[in-house]
Amino acid sequence: FQRATGHVKRRIGAPGNSKFDFDDTAFISRFSVDTLDYAHFPRSGMAFDVEYKNSLSWLNGDNQVDTVLVGGYHPFSWGKNTLGVNYLLGTAMNGAPNELDLFELGGFFQLTAYLPGQITGSHGGSTGAIYYRQVGEGLRLLTQTTFYMGGLVEIGNLWNQRSDMSFNDLHHSAGLFFGADTFFGPV
């Protein structure tokens, strides 16, 4: 069970109703499988998540919205090369979602060209492919640092209404990166 309450006050943007309170009470059920061999630059295994959120209006919550979110990642490796495929799909099944029930896209490997949370909506998702190659190992400072070069391509969008969903309205994203798996985490 989850309960969130708060107050939102608009500081920038179009004039209008700039203040509102929220009370979100929900039951969340999640199923996850993660057999990835590494958290940061996995080479084998898979990750799969399903989340169902039922807003509980009978416990004084504002909404009566049910949402489902499904996501996964599958890497395939040969030699020092890895190709990974990810997907993320979400939908609101009933009711009128407010800001707390919207899905978000943006940030690394969820339409990387956009800021985290820049794209929001009630229906949609994204998919992408990432390729990286191990290009070297660094100095042994507390641990072995492994370096990678790679790139990714992604496509997706979120819409507020199912009837608005269209393949002609998809956002595209691509990027190149140089990364390292350090003892501080991925860089």
N, C-alpha and C. Protein backbone atom coordinates (compact mmCIF):
# COMPACT_ATOMS: atom_id res chain seq x y z
N PHE A 1 0.84 -1.18 0.00
CA PHE A 1 0.00 0.00 0.00
C PHE A 1 0.88 1.23 0.00
N GLN A 2 0.40 2.27 -0.66
CA GLN A 2 1.17 3.52 -0.76
C GLN A 2 0.22 4.69 -0.58
N ARG A 3 0.65 5.69 0.15
CA ARG A 3 -0.15 6.92 0.29
C ARG A 3 0.76 8.11 0.16
N ALA A 4 0.37 9.04 -0.69
CA ALA A 4 1.13 10.27 -0.90
C ALA A 4 0.18 11.45 -0.85
N THR A 5 0.51 12.45 -0.07
CA THR A 5 -0.29 13.67 -0.02
C THR A 5 0.64 14.85 -0.22
N GLY A 6 0.08 15.94 -0.71
CA GLY A 6 0.92 17.11 -0.90
C GLY A 6 0.17 18.27 -1.50
N HIS A 7 0.93 19.30 -1.79
CA HIS A 7 0.41 20.54 -2.34
C HIS A 7 1.31 20.98 -3.48
N VAL A 8 0.72 21.30 -4.62
CA VAL A 8 1.49 21.74 -5.78
C VAL A 8 1.14 23.19 -6.06
N LYS A 9 2.18 24.00 -6.27
CA LYS A 9 2.00 25.41 -6.62
C LYS A 9 2.84 25.69 -7.85
N ARG A 10 2.19 26.18 -8.90
CA ARG A 10 2.87 26.47 -10.15
C ARG A 10 3.72 27.73 -9.98
N ARG A 11 4.99 27.65 -10.43
CA ARG A 11 5.88 28.80 -10.37
C ARG A 11 6.12 29.40 -11.75
N ILE A 12 6.06 28.55 -12.79
CA ILE A 12 6.23 29.03 -14.15
C ILE A 12 5.16 28.37 -15.02
N GLY A 13 4.94 28.90 -16.20
CA GLY A 13 3.99 28.30 -17.12
C GLY A 13 2.79 29.19 -17.34
N ALA A 14 1.80 28.64 -18.02
CA ALA A 14 0.60 29.38 -18.39
C ALA A 14 -0.21 29.74 -17.14
N PRO A 15 -0.84 30.90 -17.16
CA PRO A 15 -1.69 31.26 -16.02
C PRO A 15 -2.89 30.33 -15.94
N GLY A 16 -3.52 30.31 -14.82
CA GLY A 16 -4.67 29.44 -14.61
C GLY A 16 -4.63 28.93 -13.19
N ASN A 17 -5.22 27.78 -12.97
CA ASN A 17 -5.23 27.21 -11.64
C ASN A 17 -3.81 26.82 -11.27
N SER A 18 -3.20 27.60 -10.42
CA SER A 18 -1.78 27.39 -10.12
C SER A 18 -1.55 26.63 -8.83
N LYS A 19 -2.60 26.26 -8.12
CA LYS A 19 -2.44 25.52 -6.86
C LYS A 19 -3.42 24.36 -6.82
N PHE A 20 -2.97 23.24 -6.30
CA PHE A 20 -3.90 22.16 -6.01
C PHE A 20 -3.27 21.21 -4.99
N ASP A 21 -4.14 20.57 -4.24
CA ASP A 21 -3.71 19.56 -3.27
C ASP A 21 -3.96 18.20 -3.88
N PHE A 22 -3.18 17.19 -3.43
CA PHE A 22 -3.43 15.84 -3.91
C PHE A 22 -3.36 14.86 -2.75
N ASP A 23 -4.08 13.78 -2.92
CA ASP A 23 -4.10 12.69 -1.95
C ASP A 23 -4.17 11.41 -2.77
N ASP A 24 -3.07 10.70 -2.88
CA ASP A 24 -2.99 9.51 -3.70
C ASP A 24 -2.83 8.29 -2.80
N THR A 25 -3.84 7.46 -2.79
CA THR A 25 -3.80 6.22 -2.03
C THR A 25 -3.93 5.07 -3.01
N ALA A 26 -3.01 4.11 -2.94
CA ALA A 26 -3.01 3.05 -3.96
C ALA A 26 -2.48 1.74 -3.40
N PHE A 27 -2.90 0.68 -4.06
CA PHE A 27 -2.34 -0.66 -3.86
C PHE A 27 -1.48 -0.95 -5.08
N ILE A 28 -0.23 -1.29 -4.86
CA ILE A 28 0.69 -1.56 -5.96
C ILE A 28 1.17 -3.00 -5.85
N SER A 29 1.06 -3.72 -6.96
CA SER A 29 1.54 -5.09 -7.03
C SER A 29 2.61 -5.14 -8.13
N ARG A 30 3.76 -5.72 -7.81
CA ARG A 30 4.86 -5.74 -8.76
C ARG A 30 5.47 -7.14 -8.81
N PHE A 31 5.79 -7.57 -10.03
CA PHE A 31 6.48 -8.83 -10.25
C PHE A 31 7.75 -8.52 -11.05
N SER A 32 8.89 -8.97 -10.56
CA SER A 32 10.17 -8.69 -11.23
C SER A 32 11.01 -9.95 -11.32
N VAL A 33 11.69 -10.08 -12.46
CA VAL A 33 12.68 -11.13 -12.66
C VAL A 33 13.94 -10.43 -13.17
N ASP A 34 15.07 -10.71 -12.54
CA ASP A 34 16.33 -10.11 -12.96
C ASP A 34 17.42 -11.16 -12.88
N THR A 35 17.88 -11.62 -14.04
CA THR A 35 18.96 -12.59 -14.08
C THR A 35 20.19 -12.01 -14.78
N LEU A 36 20.26 -10.67 -14.88
CA LEU A 36 21.40 -10.02 -15.52
C LEU A 36 22.67 -10.32 -14.76
N ASP A 37 23.77 -10.55 -15.48
CA ASP A 37 25.03 -10.88 -14.82
C ASP A 37 25.71 -9.67 -14.19
N TYR A 38 25.48 -8.45 -14.71
CA TYR A 38 26.02 -7.23 -14.13
C TYR A 38 24.94 -6.17 -14.14
N ALA A 39 24.96 -5.27 -13.17
CA ALA A 39 23.95 -4.24 -13.08
C ALA A 39 24.16 -3.13 -14.11
N HIS A 40 25.41 -2.78 -14.42
CA HIS A 40 25.66 -1.59 -15.23
C HIS A 40 25.87 -1.87 -16.70
N PHE A 41 26.67 -2.84 -17.05
CA PHE A 41 26.92 -3.20 -18.44
C PHE A 41 26.72 -4.70 -18.58
N PRO A 42 25.46 -5.17 -18.50
CA PRO A 42 25.21 -6.61 -18.52
C PRO A 42 25.54 -7.22 -19.87
N ARG A 43 25.96 -8.50 -19.82
CA ARG A 43 26.30 -9.23 -21.03
C ARG A 43 25.38 -10.42 -21.26
N SER A 44 24.70 -10.88 -20.22
CA SER A 44 23.78 -12.01 -20.38
C SER A 44 22.68 -11.90 -19.34
N GLY A 45 21.67 -12.71 -19.52
CA GLY A 45 20.52 -12.71 -18.61
C GLY A 45 19.38 -11.91 -19.18
N MET A 46 18.47 -11.50 -18.30
CA MET A 46 17.33 -10.68 -18.72
C MET A 46 16.72 -10.03 -17.50
N ALA A 47 16.01 -8.94 -17.74
CA ALA A 47 15.25 -8.28 -16.68
C ALA A 47 13.83 -8.06 -17.21
N PHE A 48 12.84 -8.30 -16.36
CA PHE A 48 11.44 -8.17 -16.74
C PHE A 48 10.66 -7.68 -15.52
N ASP A 49 9.82 -6.66 -15.71
CA ASP A 49 9.01 -6.11 -14.62
C ASP A 49 7.58 -5.89 -15.09
N VAL A 50 6.63 -6.20 -14.22
CA VAL A 50 5.22 -5.88 -14.43
C VAL A 50 4.73 -5.21 -13.16
N GLU A 51 4.08 -4.05 -13.31
CA GLU A 51 3.55 -3.34 -12.14
C GLU A 51 2.09 -2.97 -12.39
N TYR A 52 1.25 -3.26 -11.43
CA TYR A 52 -0.17 -2.91 -11.47
C TYR A 52 -0.44 -1.98 -10.30
N LYS A 53 -1.04 -0.82 -10.59
CA LYS A 53 -1.37 0.15 -9.54
C LYS A 53 -2.87 0.38 -9.56
N ASN A 54 -3.52 0.14 -8.43
CA ASN A 54 -4.95 0.35 -8.27
C ASN A 54 -5.13 1.49 -7.28
N SER A 55 -5.60 2.64 -7.77
CA SER A 55 -5.87 3.78 -6.89
C SER A 55 -7.09 3.47 -6.05
N LEU A 56 -6.96 3.66 -4.75
CA LEU A 56 -8.01 3.28 -3.81
C LEU A 56 -8.78 4.51 -3.36
N SER A 57 -9.79 4.91 -4.11
CA SER A 57 -10.56 6.09 -3.76
C SER A 57 -11.34 5.88 -2.46
N TRP A 58 -11.66 4.64 -2.12
CA TRP A 58 -12.43 4.38 -0.91
C TRP A 58 -11.60 4.62 0.35
N LEU A 59 -10.28 4.83 0.20
CA LEU A 59 -9.44 5.22 1.34
C LEU A 59 -9.08 6.70 1.24
N ASN A 60 -10.01 7.49 0.71
CA ASN A 60 -9.89 8.94 0.58
C ASN A 60 -8.91 9.39 -0.48
N GLY A 61 -8.55 8.53 -1.41
CA GLY A 61 -7.70 8.95 -2.52
C GLY A 61 -8.47 9.75 -3.55
N ASP A 62 -7.77 10.59 -4.30
CA ASP A 62 -8.41 11.46 -5.29
C ASP A 62 -8.87 10.70 -6.53
N ASN A 63 -8.14 9.69 -6.94
CA ASN A 63 -8.36 9.07 -8.24
C ASN A 63 -8.98 7.68 -8.13
N GLN A 64 -9.54 7.26 -9.25
CA GLN A 64 -10.01 5.89 -9.42
C GLN A 64 -9.39 5.36 -10.70
N VAL A 65 -8.07 5.32 -10.73
CA VAL A 65 -7.33 4.95 -11.93
C VAL A 65 -6.52 3.69 -11.68
N ASP A 66 -6.59 2.75 -12.61
CA ASP A 66 -5.76 1.56 -12.57
C ASP A 66 -4.72 1.69 -13.69
N THR A 67 -3.46 1.44 -13.38
CA THR A 67 -2.42 1.51 -14.40
C THR A 67 -1.62 0.22 -14.43
N VAL A 68 -1.10 -0.11 -15.61
CA VAL A 68 -0.24 -1.27 -15.80
C VAL A 68 1.02 -0.79 -16.52
N LEU A 69 2.17 -1.21 -16.02
CA LEU A 69 3.46 -0.87 -16.62
C LEU A 69 4.25 -2.15 -16.80
N VAL A 70 4.73 -2.39 -18.04
CA VAL A 70 5.51 -3.59 -18.36
C VAL A 70 6.83 -3.14 -18.99
N GLY A 71 7.94 -3.69 -18.52
CA GLY A 71 9.23 -3.33 -19.09
C GLY A 71 10.20 -4.49 -19.04
N GLY A 72 11.21 -4.40 -19.89
CA GLY A 72 12.21 -5.46 -19.90
C GLY A 72 13.48 -5.05 -20.62
N TYR A 73 14.53 -5.82 -20.38
CA TYR A 73 15.81 -5.61 -21.05
C TYR A 73 16.46 -6.98 -21.27
N HIS A 74 16.97 -7.19 -22.50
CA HIS A 74 17.60 -8.46 -22.85
C HIS A 74 18.91 -8.18 -23.60
N PRO A 75 20.07 -8.51 -23.02
CA PRO A 75 21.34 -8.36 -23.73
C PRO A 75 21.75 -9.66 -24.43
N PHE A 76 22.43 -9.51 -25.57
CA PHE A 76 22.98 -10.64 -26.32
C PHE A 76 24.44 -10.32 -26.60
N SER A 77 25.35 -11.19 -26.21
CA SER A 77 26.78 -10.89 -26.32
C SER A 77 27.52 -11.92 -27.15
N TRP A 78 28.59 -11.46 -27.79
CA TRP A 78 29.54 -12.31 -28.50
C TRP A 78 30.89 -11.61 -28.39
N GLY A 79 31.89 -12.35 -27.95
CA GLY A 79 33.20 -11.76 -27.74
C GLY A 79 33.11 -10.59 -26.77
N LYS A 80 33.65 -9.42 -27.16
CA LYS A 80 33.60 -8.22 -26.32
C LYS A 80 32.42 -7.32 -26.70
N ASN A 81 31.52 -7.80 -27.53
CA ASN A 81 30.38 -7.02 -28.03
C ASN A 81 29.09 -7.42 -27.32
N THR A 82 28.22 -6.43 -27.12
CA THR A 82 26.90 -6.69 -26.55
C THR A 82 25.87 -5.84 -27.27
N LEU A 83 24.76 -6.47 -27.62
CA LEU A 83 23.60 -5.78 -28.17
C LEU A 83 22.45 -6.01 -27.21
N GLY A 84 21.87 -4.94 -26.70
CA GLY A 84 20.77 -5.04 -25.75
C GLY A 84 19.51 -4.43 -26.32
N VAL A 85 18.36 -5.02 -26.00
CA VAL A 85 17.06 -4.55 -26.46
C VAL A 85 16.21 -4.29 -25.22
N ASN A 86 15.56 -3.12 -25.19
CA ASN A 86 14.67 -2.83 -24.07
C ASN A 86 13.30 -2.42 -24.57
N TYR A 87 12.31 -2.49 -23.69
CA TYR A 87 10.95 -2.06 -24.01
C TYR A 87 10.28 -1.63 -22.72
N LEU A 88 9.37 -0.68 -22.85
CA LEU A 88 8.60 -0.16 -21.73
C LEU A 88 7.23 0.24 -22.26
N LEU A 89 6.17 -0.36 -21.72
CA LEU A 89 4.80 -0.09 -22.15
C LEU A 89 3.94 0.18 -20.94
N GLY A 90 3.11 1.21 -21.02
CA GLY A 90 2.23 1.54 -19.91
C GLY A 90 0.88 2.02 -20.40
N THR A 91 -0.15 1.78 -19.59
CA THR A 91 -1.48 2.27 -19.92
C THR A 91 -2.30 2.49 -18.65
N ALA A 92 -3.15 3.50 -18.70
CA ALA A 92 -4.14 3.73 -17.66
C ALA A 92 -5.43 3.08 -18.16
N MET A 93 -6.00 2.18 -17.36
CA MET A 93 -7.11 1.38 -17.86
C MET A 93 -8.48 2.00 -17.64
N ASN A 94 -8.61 2.93 -16.72
CA ASN A 94 -9.91 3.55 -16.49
C ASN A 94 -9.70 4.87 -15.76
N GLY A 95 -10.72 5.66 -15.68
CA GLY A 95 -10.63 6.92 -14.95
C GLY A 95 -9.89 8.00 -15.72
N ALA A 96 -9.68 9.11 -15.04
CA ALA A 96 -8.97 10.24 -15.61
C ALA A 96 -7.71 10.49 -14.77
N PRO A 97 -6.55 10.03 -15.23
CA PRO A 97 -5.33 10.18 -14.45
C PRO A 97 -4.97 11.64 -14.21
N ASN A 98 -4.43 11.93 -13.03
CA ASN A 98 -3.87 13.26 -12.79
C ASN A 98 -2.35 13.17 -12.88
N GLU A 99 -1.66 14.21 -12.47
CA GLU A 99 -0.20 14.27 -12.61
C GLU A 99 0.52 13.13 -11.91
N LEU A 100 -0.06 12.58 -10.85
CA LEU A 100 0.60 11.51 -10.10
C LEU A 100 0.54 10.17 -10.81
N ASP A 101 -0.42 10.00 -11.71
CA ASP A 101 -0.61 8.72 -12.39
C ASP A 101 -0.02 8.67 -13.78
N LEU A 102 0.61 9.76 -14.23
CA LEU A 102 1.17 9.79 -15.57
C LEU A 102 2.49 9.02 -15.63
N PHE A 103 2.74 8.38 -16.76
CA PHE A 103 4.03 7.74 -17.00
C PHE A 103 4.99 8.79 -17.52
N GLU A 104 6.28 8.55 -17.36
CA GLU A 104 7.29 9.50 -17.79
C GLU A 104 8.32 8.82 -18.68
N LEU A 105 8.78 9.54 -19.70
CA LEU A 105 9.89 9.11 -20.54
C LEU A 105 10.93 10.23 -20.56
N GLY A 106 12.15 9.85 -20.82
CA GLY A 106 13.27 10.78 -20.87
C GLY A 106 14.39 10.25 -20.00
N GLY A 107 15.61 10.58 -20.33
CA GLY A 107 16.75 10.07 -19.59
C GLY A 107 17.36 8.88 -20.30
N PHE A 108 18.47 8.41 -19.78
CA PHE A 108 19.24 7.37 -20.45
C PHE A 108 18.42 6.12 -20.70
N PHE A 109 18.37 5.72 -21.96
CA PHE A 109 17.70 4.52 -22.47
C PHE A 109 16.19 4.53 -22.28
N GLN A 110 15.61 5.72 -22.10
CA GLN A 110 14.15 5.91 -22.15
C GLN A 110 13.90 7.19 -22.95
N LEU A 111 14.36 7.22 -24.18
CA LEU A 111 14.42 8.38 -25.05
C LEU A 111 15.49 9.34 -24.52
N THR A 112 16.73 8.94 -24.68
CA THR A 112 17.91 9.60 -24.13
C THR A 112 18.01 11.07 -24.50
N ALA A 113 17.55 11.47 -25.67
CA ALA A 113 17.67 12.87 -26.12
C ALA A 113 16.80 13.82 -25.30
N TYR A 114 15.90 13.30 -24.49
CA TYR A 114 14.99 14.12 -23.70
C TYR A 114 15.38 14.07 -22.23
N LEU A 115 15.05 15.13 -21.49
CA LEU A 115 15.31 15.17 -20.05
C LEU A 115 14.43 14.15 -19.34
N PRO A 116 14.88 13.61 -18.20
CA PRO A 116 14.03 12.69 -17.44
C PRO A 116 12.69 13.34 -17.11
N GLY A 117 11.60 12.67 -17.45
CA GLY A 117 10.26 13.16 -17.18
C GLY A 117 9.77 14.23 -18.15
N GLN A 118 10.51 14.51 -19.21
CA GLN A 118 10.10 15.55 -20.15
C GLN A 118 8.85 15.16 -20.94
N ILE A 119 8.66 13.88 -21.21
CA ILE A 119 7.48 13.39 -21.93
C ILE A 119 6.60 12.65 -20.93
N THR A 120 5.34 13.06 -20.82
CA THR A 120 4.42 12.41 -19.89
C THR A 120 3.13 12.07 -20.60
N GLY A 121 2.43 11.08 -20.08
CA GLY A 121 1.15 10.69 -20.65
C GLY A 121 0.59 9.46 -19.97
N SER A 122 -0.60 9.08 -20.38
CA SER A 122 -1.32 7.95 -19.77
C SER A 122 -1.18 6.65 -20.53
N HIS A 123 -0.74 6.72 -21.80
CA HIS A 123 -0.66 5.53 -22.63
C HIS A 123 0.57 5.62 -23.53
N GLY A 124 1.27 4.52 -23.71
CA GLY A 124 2.39 4.49 -24.65
C GLY A 124 3.58 3.77 -24.10
N GLY A 125 4.76 4.14 -24.59
CA GLY A 125 5.98 3.50 -24.14
C GLY A 125 7.13 3.79 -25.08
N SER A 126 8.16 3.00 -24.94
CA SER A 126 9.35 3.17 -25.78
C SER A 126 10.03 1.82 -25.97
N THR A 127 10.85 1.77 -26.99
CA THR A 127 11.69 0.61 -27.22
C THR A 127 13.00 1.10 -27.80
N GLY A 128 14.05 0.32 -27.61
CA GLY A 128 15.35 0.75 -28.12
C GLY A 128 16.34 -0.39 -28.15
N ALA A 129 17.45 -0.10 -28.81
CA ALA A 129 18.55 -1.05 -28.89
C ALA A 129 19.82 -0.30 -28.52
N ILE A 130 20.69 -0.98 -27.79
CA ILE A 130 21.97 -0.41 -27.38
C ILE A 130 23.07 -1.40 -27.76
N TYR A 131 24.15 -0.85 -28.28
CA TYR A 131 25.31 -1.67 -28.60
C TYR A 131 26.49 -1.09 -27.84
N TYR A 132 27.28 -1.95 -27.20
CA TYR A 132 28.52 -1.50 -26.58
C TYR A 132 29.58 -2.59 -26.69
N ARG A 133 30.82 -2.11 -26.72
CA ARG A 133 31.97 -3.00 -26.85
C ARG A 133 32.97 -2.67 -25.77
N GLN A 134 33.47 -3.69 -25.12
CA GLN A 134 34.52 -3.49 -24.12
C GLN A 134 35.80 -3.12 -24.87
N VAL A 135 36.35 -1.95 -24.55
CA VAL A 135 37.52 -1.47 -25.28
C VAL A 135 38.79 -1.44 -24.43
N GLY A 136 38.69 -1.76 -23.18
CA GLY A 136 39.91 -1.79 -22.37
C GLY A 136 39.62 -1.88 -20.90
N GLU A 137 40.70 -2.10 -20.17
CA GLU A 137 40.63 -2.14 -18.72
C GLU A 137 41.64 -1.16 -18.19
N GLY A 138 41.26 -0.43 -17.17
CA GLY A 138 42.12 0.61 -16.61
C GLY A 138 43.00 0.09 -15.49
N LEU A 139 43.51 1.05 -14.74
CA LEU A 139 44.40 0.74 -13.63
C LEU A 139 43.64 0.04 -12.52
N ARG A 140 44.35 -0.75 -11.76
CA ARG A 140 43.73 -1.44 -10.63
C ARG A 140 43.80 -0.54 -9.40
N LEU A 141 42.75 0.27 -9.22
CA LEU A 141 42.61 1.12 -8.04
C LEU A 141 41.41 0.62 -7.26
N LEU A 142 41.65 -0.18 -6.27
CA LEU A 142 40.63 -0.84 -5.46
C LEU A 142 39.86 -1.90 -6.25
N THR A 143 39.73 -1.71 -7.53
CA THR A 143 39.01 -2.67 -8.36
C THR A 143 39.41 -2.47 -9.82
N GLN A 144 39.10 -3.40 -10.64
CA GLN A 144 39.38 -3.30 -12.07
C GLN A 144 38.32 -2.42 -12.73
N THR A 145 38.72 -1.41 -13.47
CA THR A 145 37.79 -0.54 -14.18
C THR A 145 37.74 -0.98 -15.63
N THR A 146 36.54 -1.26 -16.12
CA THR A 146 36.35 -1.69 -17.49
C THR A 146 35.75 -0.54 -18.30
N PHE A 147 36.27 -0.31 -19.53
CA PHE A 147 35.80 0.78 -20.38
C PHE A 147 35.00 0.24 -21.56
N TYR A 148 33.98 1.02 -21.96
CA TYR A 148 33.09 0.62 -23.04
C TYR A 148 32.87 1.80 -23.98
N MET A 149 32.67 1.51 -25.26
CA MET A 149 32.20 2.47 -26.25
C MET A 149 30.94 1.90 -26.86
N GLY A 150 30.00 2.78 -27.17
CA GLY A 150 28.77 2.27 -27.75
C GLY A 150 27.84 3.33 -28.27
N GLY A 151 26.68 2.89 -28.68
CA GLY A 151 25.64 3.78 -29.19
C GLY A 151 24.28 3.16 -28.96
N LEU A 152 23.25 3.99 -29.10
CA LEU A 152 21.90 3.50 -28.90
C LEU A 152 20.93 4.25 -29.81
N VAL A 153 19.84 3.59 -30.14
CA VAL A 153 18.73 4.18 -30.89
C VAL A 153 17.44 3.81 -30.17
N GLU A 154 16.50 4.77 -30.15
CA GLU A 154 15.25 4.56 -29.41
C GLU A 154 14.09 5.22 -30.15
N ILE A 155 12.90 4.74 -29.84
CA ILE A 155 11.69 5.30 -30.42
C ILE A 155 10.57 5.12 -29.39
N GLY A 156 9.66 6.10 -29.32
CA GLY A 156 8.55 5.98 -28.39
C GLY A 156 7.83 7.29 -28.18
N ASN A 157 6.78 7.26 -27.40
CA ASN A 157 6.02 8.45 -27.05
C ASN A 157 4.98 8.07 -25.99
N LEU A 158 4.40 9.07 -25.38
CA LEU A 158 3.29 8.90 -24.45
C LEU A 158 2.17 9.84 -24.87
N TRP A 159 0.94 9.37 -24.74
CA TRP A 159 -0.23 10.16 -25.12
C TRP A 159 -1.20 10.17 -23.95
N ASN A 160 -2.04 11.22 -23.89
CA ASN A 160 -3.04 11.32 -22.83
C ASN A 160 -4.29 10.51 -23.14
N GLN A 161 -4.61 10.34 -24.43
CA GLN A 161 -5.77 9.56 -24.84
C GLN A 161 -5.33 8.43 -25.76
N ARG A 162 -5.94 7.26 -25.61
CA ARG A 162 -5.61 6.14 -26.51
C ARG A 162 -5.90 6.49 -27.96
N SER A 163 -6.96 7.26 -28.19
CA SER A 163 -7.34 7.61 -29.56
C SER A 163 -6.29 8.50 -30.23
N ASP A 164 -5.42 9.14 -29.47
CA ASP A 164 -4.36 10.00 -30.03
C ASP A 164 -3.12 9.22 -30.45
N MET A 165 -3.02 7.96 -30.05
CA MET A 165 -1.82 7.18 -30.33
C MET A 165 -1.65 6.98 -31.84
N SER A 166 -0.42 7.22 -32.32
CA SER A 166 -0.15 7.10 -33.75
C SER A 166 1.33 6.83 -33.98
N PHE A 167 1.63 5.96 -34.94
CA PHE A 167 3.02 5.72 -35.31
C PHE A 167 3.64 6.95 -35.96
N ASN A 168 2.82 7.85 -36.47
CA ASN A 168 3.32 9.07 -37.09
C ASN A 168 3.75 10.12 -36.08
N ASP A 169 3.47 9.87 -34.80
CA ASP A 169 3.73 10.84 -33.74
C ASP A 169 4.80 10.34 -32.76
N LEU A 170 5.70 9.48 -33.22
CA LEU A 170 6.72 8.92 -32.34
C LEU A 170 7.94 9.84 -32.26
N HIS A 171 8.56 9.86 -31.09
CA HIS A 171 9.82 10.58 -30.89
C HIS A 171 10.97 9.61 -31.15
N HIS A 172 12.04 10.12 -31.73
CA HIS A 172 13.23 9.31 -32.00
C HIS A 172 14.39 9.86 -31.20
N SER A 173 15.32 8.99 -30.87
CA SER A 173 16.49 9.41 -30.10
C SER A 173 17.66 8.51 -30.47
N ALA A 174 18.85 9.07 -30.47
CA ALA A 174 20.06 8.30 -30.74
C ALA A 174 21.21 8.93 -29.97
N GLY A 175 22.20 8.14 -29.66
CA GLY A 175 23.34 8.68 -28.93
C GLY A 175 24.56 7.78 -29.02
N LEU A 176 25.70 8.38 -28.77
CA LEU A 176 26.97 7.67 -28.67
C LEU A 176 27.51 7.89 -27.26
N PHE A 177 28.25 6.91 -26.74
CA PHE A 177 28.78 7.09 -25.40
C PHE A 177 30.11 6.37 -25.22
N PHE A 178 30.85 6.85 -24.26
CA PHE A 178 32.05 6.20 -23.76
C PHE A 178 31.81 6.05 -22.27
N GLY A 179 31.86 4.84 -21.75
CA GLY A 179 31.52 4.59 -20.35
C GLY A 179 32.55 3.75 -19.64
N ALA A 180 32.47 3.78 -18.32
CA ALA A 180 33.36 2.98 -17.48
C ALA A 180 32.56 2.41 -16.34
N ASP A 181 32.86 1.18 -15.98
CA ASP A 181 32.23 0.53 -14.83
C ASP A 181 33.21 0.65 -13.67
N THR A 182 33.03 1.68 -12.84
CA THR A 182 33.96 1.97 -11.75
C THR A 182 33.39 1.48 -10.42
N PHE A 183 34.20 1.55 -9.38
CA PHE A 183 33.70 1.13 -8.06
C PHE A 183 32.72 2.16 -7.50
N PHE A 184 32.61 3.36 -8.11
CA PHE A 184 31.60 4.34 -7.74
C PHE A 184 30.27 4.08 -8.46
N GLY A 185 30.30 3.24 -9.47
CA GLY A 185 29.16 2.98 -10.31
C GLY A 185 29.50 3.32 -11.75
N PRO A 186 28.51 3.28 -12.65
CA PRO A 186 28.79 3.57 -14.06
C PRO A 186 29.05 5.06 -14.28
N VAL A 187 30.02 5.33 -15.14
CA VAL A 187 30.34 6.73 -15.49
C VAL A 187 30.27 6.85 -16.99
